[in-house]
Amino acid sequence: MTAGDGTRDRPWVLTTPSGGSEFTAYRDETLDPPALVVLVGKTELRYQLRCIDDLHAMLTERGDWVPLGNADEQKPAADGTVEAWGRADDNPVGGWYGLKKGLRGRFANYVPPVLETLGLAEVEHNARNNRMRAAKKK
């Protein structure tokens, strides 16, 4: 499901990879730092906007499926997953892409559908254990 164009006035209406929850997301370049804003009910999560390009670059470099490994901030992320990469000391930002302490996790739940909407990635939509990869060039 996708609607909107990713702006505050017309956010994308997306579903999590498992299809279990609907959320909205939009780019806000006026924030410092610029952010991908995700609204889940009344909860607002923010990730550094550069996560879109950085995640796409990582997926392109890996060249194969990468498990999502969705996890809350308070729980460890499984090695080799998108979630682990989104908080790793050796990613391009040197740590968490999430900007709001206590709400920095769930990177692998909310960012992959944005990349899929933008045509940058393929995302599986199973009940659990989903993966993603860079979209094939056409």
N, C-alpha and C. Protein backbone atom coordinates (compact mmCIF):
# COMPACT_ATOMS: atom_id res chain seq x y z
N MET A 1 0.85 -1.17 0.00
CA MET A 1 0.00 0.00 0.00
C MET A 1 0.89 1.23 0.00
N THR A 2 0.65 2.14 -0.91
CA THR A 2 1.39 3.39 -0.95
C THR A 2 0.46 4.49 -1.43
N ALA A 3 0.50 5.58 -0.74
CA ALA A 3 -0.23 6.77 -1.17
C ALA A 3 0.66 7.94 -0.81
N GLY A 4 0.42 9.08 -1.41
CA GLY A 4 1.20 10.26 -1.08
C GLY A 4 2.51 10.30 -1.83
N ASP A 5 3.24 11.38 -1.55
CA ASP A 5 4.51 11.56 -2.24
C ASP A 5 5.68 11.75 -1.27
N GLY A 6 5.47 11.41 0.00
CA GLY A 6 6.55 11.47 0.97
C GLY A 6 6.81 12.84 1.55
N THR A 7 5.81 13.73 1.46
CA THR A 7 5.93 15.05 2.08
C THR A 7 5.06 15.09 3.33
N ARG A 8 5.26 16.11 4.15
CA ARG A 8 4.46 16.23 5.37
C ARG A 8 2.97 16.32 5.03
N ASP A 9 2.63 17.05 3.98
CA ASP A 9 1.23 17.22 3.59
C ASP A 9 0.64 15.99 2.90
N ARG A 10 1.50 15.20 2.26
CA ARG A 10 1.05 13.99 1.55
C ARG A 10 2.01 12.85 1.85
N PRO A 11 2.01 12.37 3.12
CA PRO A 11 2.95 11.31 3.48
C PRO A 11 2.63 9.99 2.78
N TRP A 12 3.66 9.14 2.71
CA TRP A 12 3.42 7.79 2.22
C TRP A 12 2.60 7.05 3.26
N VAL A 13 1.66 6.26 2.82
CA VAL A 13 0.91 5.37 3.71
C VAL A 13 1.42 3.98 3.38
N LEU A 14 2.09 3.36 4.36
CA LEU A 14 2.81 2.12 4.14
C LEU A 14 2.38 1.05 5.13
N THR A 15 2.80 -0.17 4.88
CA THR A 15 2.61 -1.25 5.84
C THR A 15 3.98 -1.83 6.18
N THR A 16 4.09 -2.35 7.38
CA THR A 16 5.33 -3.00 7.78
C THR A 16 5.55 -4.22 6.89
N PRO A 17 6.79 -4.70 6.78
CA PRO A 17 7.07 -5.85 5.90
C PRO A 17 6.16 -7.05 6.14
N SER A 18 5.81 -7.33 7.39
CA SER A 18 4.94 -8.48 7.68
C SER A 18 3.48 -8.20 7.33
N GLY A 19 3.16 -6.93 7.04
CA GLY A 19 1.79 -6.56 6.74
C GLY A 19 0.94 -6.37 7.98
N GLY A 20 1.54 -6.42 9.15
CA GLY A 20 0.81 -6.35 10.40
C GLY A 20 0.34 -4.98 10.83
N SER A 21 1.03 -3.93 10.37
CA SER A 21 0.68 -2.58 10.81
C SER A 21 0.83 -1.57 9.68
N GLU A 22 -0.05 -0.59 9.71
CA GLU A 22 0.01 0.51 8.77
C GLU A 22 0.69 1.69 9.46
N PHE A 23 1.47 2.46 8.70
CA PHE A 23 2.10 3.66 9.24
C PHE A 23 2.28 4.67 8.12
N THR A 24 2.58 5.91 8.49
CA THR A 24 2.87 6.92 7.49
C THR A 24 4.31 7.38 7.67
N ALA A 25 4.90 7.87 6.58
CA ALA A 25 6.27 8.35 6.63
C ALA A 25 6.43 9.50 5.63
N TYR A 26 7.32 10.41 5.97
CA TYR A 26 7.62 11.50 5.06
C TYR A 26 9.02 12.03 5.34
N ARG A 27 9.58 12.69 4.34
CA ARG A 27 10.89 13.33 4.46
C ARG A 27 10.69 14.75 4.99
N ASP A 28 11.50 15.14 5.95
CA ASP A 28 11.47 16.52 6.45
C ASP A 28 12.89 17.06 6.46
N GLU A 29 13.24 17.81 5.42
CA GLU A 29 14.58 18.35 5.29
C GLU A 29 14.77 19.62 6.10
N THR A 30 13.69 20.13 6.73
CA THR A 30 13.81 21.35 7.54
C THR A 30 14.29 21.03 8.95
N LEU A 31 14.26 19.77 9.35
CA LEU A 31 14.72 19.39 10.69
C LEU A 31 16.24 19.38 10.73
N ASP A 32 16.80 19.44 11.92
CA ASP A 32 18.24 19.39 12.09
C ASP A 32 18.59 18.22 13.00
N PRO A 33 19.11 17.14 12.46
CA PRO A 33 19.41 16.89 11.06
C PRO A 33 18.13 16.54 10.28
N PRO A 34 18.22 16.64 8.93
CA PRO A 34 17.06 16.24 8.11
C PRO A 34 16.64 14.82 8.48
N ALA A 35 15.33 14.56 8.49
CA ALA A 35 14.86 13.28 9.00
C ALA A 35 13.81 12.62 8.12
N LEU A 36 13.76 11.32 8.25
CA LEU A 36 12.64 10.52 7.77
C LEU A 36 11.74 10.39 8.99
N VAL A 37 10.56 10.95 8.92
CA VAL A 37 9.63 10.95 10.05
C VAL A 37 8.61 9.84 9.83
N VAL A 38 8.46 8.99 10.84
CA VAL A 38 7.55 7.85 10.78
C VAL A 38 6.50 8.03 11.88
N LEU A 39 5.23 7.94 11.49
CA LEU A 39 4.13 8.05 12.45
C LEU A 39 3.41 6.72 12.53
N VAL A 40 3.42 6.16 13.75
CA VAL A 40 2.75 4.89 14.02
C VAL A 40 1.71 5.21 15.09
N GLY A 41 0.45 5.33 14.67
CA GLY A 41 -0.55 5.81 15.61
C GLY A 41 -0.17 7.22 16.03
N LYS A 42 -0.03 7.45 17.34
CA LYS A 42 0.37 8.76 17.84
C LYS A 42 1.87 8.85 18.13
N THR A 43 2.58 7.76 17.89
CA THR A 43 4.02 7.74 18.16
C THR A 43 4.79 8.22 16.94
N GLU A 44 5.73 9.14 17.17
CA GLU A 44 6.57 9.65 16.09
C GLU A 44 7.99 9.15 16.28
N LEU A 45 8.52 8.51 15.25
CA LEU A 45 9.91 8.08 15.23
C LEU A 45 10.62 8.90 14.17
N ARG A 46 11.90 9.14 14.38
CA ARG A 46 12.68 9.88 13.39
C ARG A 46 14.00 9.16 13.16
N TYR A 47 14.35 9.06 11.89
CA TYR A 47 15.63 8.48 11.49
C TYR A 47 16.34 9.50 10.62
N GLN A 48 17.67 9.55 10.70
CA GLN A 48 18.41 10.46 9.84
C GLN A 48 18.01 10.20 8.39
N LEU A 49 17.69 11.25 7.67
CA LEU A 49 17.19 11.12 6.31
C LEU A 49 18.19 10.41 5.39
N ARG A 50 19.45 10.56 5.66
CA ARG A 50 20.46 9.92 4.84
C ARG A 50 20.38 8.40 4.91
N CYS A 51 19.59 7.86 5.85
CA CYS A 51 19.46 6.40 5.97
C CYS A 51 18.96 5.78 4.67
N ILE A 52 18.16 6.50 3.91
CA ILE A 52 17.63 5.96 2.66
C ILE A 52 18.77 5.66 1.69
N ASP A 53 19.62 6.65 1.44
CA ASP A 53 20.74 6.45 0.51
C ASP A 53 21.78 5.50 1.09
N ASP A 54 22.05 5.63 2.39
CA ASP A 54 23.06 4.77 3.01
C ASP A 54 22.65 3.30 3.00
N LEU A 55 21.38 3.03 3.32
CA LEU A 55 20.91 1.65 3.32
C LEU A 55 20.93 1.09 1.90
N HIS A 56 20.52 1.88 0.93
CA HIS A 56 20.56 1.44 -0.46
C HIS A 56 21.99 1.10 -0.88
N ALA A 57 22.95 1.93 -0.49
CA ALA A 57 24.36 1.68 -0.83
C ALA A 57 24.84 0.39 -0.18
N MET A 58 24.49 0.15 1.08
CA MET A 58 24.89 -1.08 1.76
C MET A 58 24.30 -2.30 1.06
N LEU A 59 23.02 -2.24 0.71
CA LEU A 59 22.37 -3.36 0.03
C LEU A 59 23.00 -3.62 -1.34
N THR A 60 23.31 -2.56 -2.04
CA THR A 60 23.94 -2.69 -3.35
C THR A 60 25.31 -3.35 -3.21
N GLU A 61 26.06 -2.94 -2.20
CA GLU A 61 27.39 -3.51 -1.95
C GLU A 61 27.29 -5.00 -1.60
N ARG A 62 26.34 -5.35 -0.77
CA ARG A 62 26.19 -6.76 -0.38
C ARG A 62 25.71 -7.62 -1.54
N GLY A 63 24.85 -7.07 -2.38
CA GLY A 63 24.44 -7.76 -3.59
C GLY A 63 23.54 -8.96 -3.41
N ASP A 64 23.01 -9.18 -2.22
CA ASP A 64 22.15 -10.33 -1.98
C ASP A 64 21.13 -9.97 -0.90
N TRP A 65 20.27 -10.91 -0.60
CA TRP A 65 19.26 -10.71 0.44
C TRP A 65 19.92 -10.50 1.80
N VAL A 66 19.39 -9.57 2.58
CA VAL A 66 19.85 -9.29 3.94
C VAL A 66 18.64 -9.42 4.86
N PRO A 67 18.73 -10.25 5.92
CA PRO A 67 17.60 -10.36 6.86
C PRO A 67 17.31 -9.01 7.52
N LEU A 68 16.02 -8.74 7.77
CA LEU A 68 15.66 -7.47 8.39
C LEU A 68 16.03 -7.44 9.87
N GLY A 69 15.63 -8.45 10.64
CA GLY A 69 16.01 -8.52 12.05
C GLY A 69 15.44 -7.42 12.92
N ASN A 70 14.22 -7.01 12.69
CA ASN A 70 13.55 -5.95 13.43
C ASN A 70 13.66 -6.16 14.95
N ALA A 71 14.02 -5.09 15.68
CA ALA A 71 14.11 -5.18 17.15
C ALA A 71 13.93 -3.79 17.76
N ASP A 72 13.34 -3.77 18.96
CA ASP A 72 13.24 -2.54 19.74
C ASP A 72 14.63 -2.07 20.13
N GLU A 73 14.74 -0.80 20.48
CA GLU A 73 16.02 -0.23 20.89
C GLU A 73 16.62 -0.97 22.08
N GLN A 74 15.79 -1.41 23.02
CA GLN A 74 16.27 -2.03 24.24
C GLN A 74 16.74 -3.48 24.03
N LYS A 75 16.47 -4.05 22.87
CA LYS A 75 16.86 -5.43 22.58
C LYS A 75 18.01 -5.45 21.59
N PRO A 76 18.91 -6.43 21.73
CA PRO A 76 20.01 -6.52 20.78
C PRO A 76 19.50 -6.94 19.40
N ALA A 77 20.18 -6.47 18.38
CA ALA A 77 19.84 -6.85 17.00
C ALA A 77 20.75 -7.99 16.58
N ALA A 78 20.18 -8.95 15.86
CA ALA A 78 20.96 -10.09 15.39
C ALA A 78 22.03 -9.64 14.40
N ASP A 79 23.21 -10.23 14.51
CA ASP A 79 24.32 -9.91 13.60
C ASP A 79 23.92 -10.13 12.15
N GLY A 80 24.42 -9.27 11.27
CA GLY A 80 24.20 -9.43 9.85
C GLY A 80 22.85 -8.98 9.34
N THR A 81 22.06 -8.32 10.20
CA THR A 81 20.73 -7.88 9.80
C THR A 81 20.71 -6.39 9.48
N VAL A 82 19.66 -5.95 8.82
CA VAL A 82 19.45 -4.53 8.55
C VAL A 82 19.37 -3.76 9.87
N GLU A 83 18.68 -4.32 10.85
CA GLU A 83 18.54 -3.67 12.16
C GLU A 83 19.91 -3.46 12.81
N ALA A 84 20.76 -4.48 12.77
CA ALA A 84 22.09 -4.36 13.37
C ALA A 84 22.91 -3.30 12.64
N TRP A 85 22.82 -3.27 11.32
CA TRP A 85 23.55 -2.28 10.54
C TRP A 85 23.06 -0.86 10.89
N GLY A 86 21.76 -0.68 11.13
CA GLY A 86 21.18 0.62 11.43
C GLY A 86 21.59 1.20 12.76
N ARG A 87 22.35 0.43 13.56
CA ARG A 87 22.83 0.92 14.85
C ARG A 87 24.31 0.62 15.06
N ALA A 88 24.99 0.12 14.04
CA ALA A 88 26.38 -0.32 14.16
C ALA A 88 27.36 0.85 14.18
N ASP A 89 28.44 0.67 14.94
CA ASP A 89 29.48 1.69 15.02
C ASP A 89 30.20 1.89 13.69
N ASP A 90 30.15 0.89 12.80
CA ASP A 90 30.86 1.00 11.53
C ASP A 90 29.96 1.35 10.34
N ASN A 91 28.71 1.76 10.60
CA ASN A 91 27.88 2.25 9.49
C ASN A 91 28.29 3.69 9.17
N PRO A 92 27.78 4.29 8.09
CA PRO A 92 28.24 5.63 7.70
C PRO A 92 28.05 6.73 8.73
N VAL A 93 27.12 6.59 9.68
CA VAL A 93 26.94 7.63 10.71
C VAL A 93 27.59 7.25 12.03
N GLY A 94 28.20 6.07 12.09
CA GLY A 94 28.90 5.65 13.29
C GLY A 94 28.00 5.33 14.47
N GLY A 95 26.82 4.76 14.19
CA GLY A 95 25.90 4.39 15.26
C GLY A 95 24.46 4.45 14.82
N TRP A 96 23.60 4.84 15.72
CA TRP A 96 22.16 4.83 15.48
C TRP A 96 21.73 5.83 14.40
N TYR A 97 20.88 5.37 13.47
CA TYR A 97 20.20 6.29 12.55
C TYR A 97 18.99 6.88 13.25
N GLY A 98 18.43 6.17 14.22
CA GLY A 98 17.28 6.67 14.98
C GLY A 98 17.69 7.88 15.80
N LEU A 99 16.81 8.88 15.85
CA LEU A 99 17.15 10.15 16.48
C LEU A 99 16.52 10.38 17.85
N LYS A 100 15.49 9.63 18.20
CA LYS A 100 14.81 9.87 19.47
C LYS A 100 15.12 8.75 20.43
N LYS A 101 15.90 9.05 21.47
CA LYS A 101 16.27 8.03 22.45
C LYS A 101 15.02 7.35 22.98
N GLY A 102 15.08 6.04 23.04
CA GLY A 102 13.93 5.25 23.45
C GLY A 102 13.10 4.79 22.26
N LEU A 103 13.25 5.48 21.13
CA LEU A 103 12.51 5.15 19.91
C LEU A 103 13.45 5.00 18.71
N ARG A 104 14.70 4.61 18.97
CA ARG A 104 15.68 4.54 17.89
C ARG A 104 15.66 3.20 17.17
N GLY A 105 15.06 2.19 17.78
CA GLY A 105 15.02 0.88 17.16
C GLY A 105 13.93 0.79 16.10
N ARG A 106 13.64 -0.44 15.71
CA ARG A 106 12.62 -0.72 14.68
C ARG A 106 12.99 -0.14 13.31
N PHE A 107 14.27 0.16 13.12
CA PHE A 107 14.77 0.66 11.84
C PHE A 107 14.36 -0.28 10.71
N ALA A 108 14.52 -1.59 10.94
CA ALA A 108 14.24 -2.60 9.91
C ALA A 108 12.75 -2.81 9.68
N ASN A 109 11.93 -2.22 10.50
CA ASN A 109 10.48 -2.34 10.34
C ASN A 109 9.92 -1.20 9.49
N TYR A 110 10.50 -0.01 9.64
CA TYR A 110 9.92 1.17 9.01
C TYR A 110 10.71 1.74 7.82
N VAL A 111 12.01 1.54 7.77
CA VAL A 111 12.79 2.11 6.66
C VAL A 111 12.70 1.25 5.39
N PRO A 112 12.76 -0.08 5.46
CA PRO A 112 12.67 -0.87 4.22
C PRO A 112 11.44 -0.59 3.35
N PRO A 113 10.23 -0.42 3.92
CA PRO A 113 9.10 -0.10 3.06
C PRO A 113 9.26 1.23 2.30
N VAL A 114 10.00 2.16 2.88
CA VAL A 114 10.26 3.43 2.19
C VAL A 114 11.15 3.17 0.98
N LEU A 115 12.21 2.38 1.16
CA LEU A 115 13.08 2.07 0.03
C LEU A 115 12.33 1.31 -1.05
N GLU A 116 11.43 0.43 -0.64
CA GLU A 116 10.62 -0.31 -1.61
C GLU A 116 9.73 0.65 -2.40
N THR A 117 9.10 1.59 -1.72
CA THR A 117 8.24 2.57 -2.37
C THR A 117 9.01 3.43 -3.37
N LEU A 118 10.26 3.73 -3.04
CA LEU A 118 11.09 4.55 -3.91
C LEU A 118 11.72 3.74 -5.05
N GLY A 119 11.45 2.43 -5.07
CA GLY A 119 12.00 1.59 -6.12
C GLY A 119 13.47 1.25 -5.93
N LEU A 120 13.98 1.43 -4.71
CA LEU A 120 15.38 1.18 -4.42
C LEU A 120 15.65 -0.22 -3.89
N ALA A 121 14.61 -0.92 -3.43
CA ALA A 121 14.82 -2.23 -2.83
C ALA A 121 13.61 -3.12 -3.04
N GLU A 122 13.88 -4.41 -2.95
CA GLU A 122 12.83 -5.43 -2.90
C GLU A 122 12.74 -5.86 -1.44
N VAL A 123 11.54 -6.01 -0.93
CA VAL A 123 11.33 -6.41 0.45
C VAL A 123 10.36 -7.58 0.47
N GLU A 124 10.70 -8.62 1.23
CA GLU A 124 9.78 -9.75 1.38
C GLU A 124 8.64 -9.36 2.31
N HIS A 125 7.50 -10.01 2.15
CA HIS A 125 6.32 -9.69 2.95
C HIS A 125 5.71 -10.96 3.54
N ASN A 126 6.54 -11.71 4.26
CA ASN A 126 6.07 -12.91 4.95
C ASN A 126 5.62 -12.53 6.36
N ALA A 127 5.03 -13.47 7.06
CA ALA A 127 4.59 -13.20 8.43
C ALA A 127 5.77 -12.89 9.35
N ARG A 128 6.93 -13.49 9.05
CA ARG A 128 8.14 -13.24 9.84
C ARG A 128 9.38 -13.59 9.03
N ASN A 129 10.54 -13.24 9.58
CA ASN A 129 11.85 -13.54 8.96
C ASN A 129 11.98 -12.97 7.55
N ASN A 130 11.58 -11.73 7.37
CA ASN A 130 11.68 -11.10 6.06
C ASN A 130 13.09 -10.62 5.77
N ARG A 131 13.35 -10.45 4.48
CA ARG A 131 14.64 -9.98 4.00
C ARG A 131 14.43 -8.88 2.98
N MET A 132 15.54 -8.20 2.64
CA MET A 132 15.48 -7.18 1.59
C MET A 132 16.78 -7.22 0.80
N ARG A 133 16.72 -6.67 -0.40
CA ARG A 133 17.92 -6.53 -1.23
C ARG A 133 17.72 -5.32 -2.12
N ALA A 134 18.83 -4.83 -2.65
CA ALA A 134 18.75 -3.70 -3.58
C ALA A 134 17.94 -4.12 -4.79
N ALA A 135 17.14 -3.21 -5.31
CA ALA A 135 16.33 -3.50 -6.49
C ALA A 135 17.24 -3.73 -7.68
N LYS A 136 16.83 -4.64 -8.53
CA LYS A 136 17.57 -4.92 -9.75
C LYS A 136 17.41 -3.74 -10.70
N LYS A 137 18.50 -3.36 -11.34
CA LYS A 137 18.44 -2.26 -12.30
C LYS A 137 17.70 -2.72 -13.54
N LYS A 138 16.87 -1.83 -14.06
CA LYS A 138 16.07 -2.19 -15.23
C LYS A 138 16.71 -1.71 -16.49
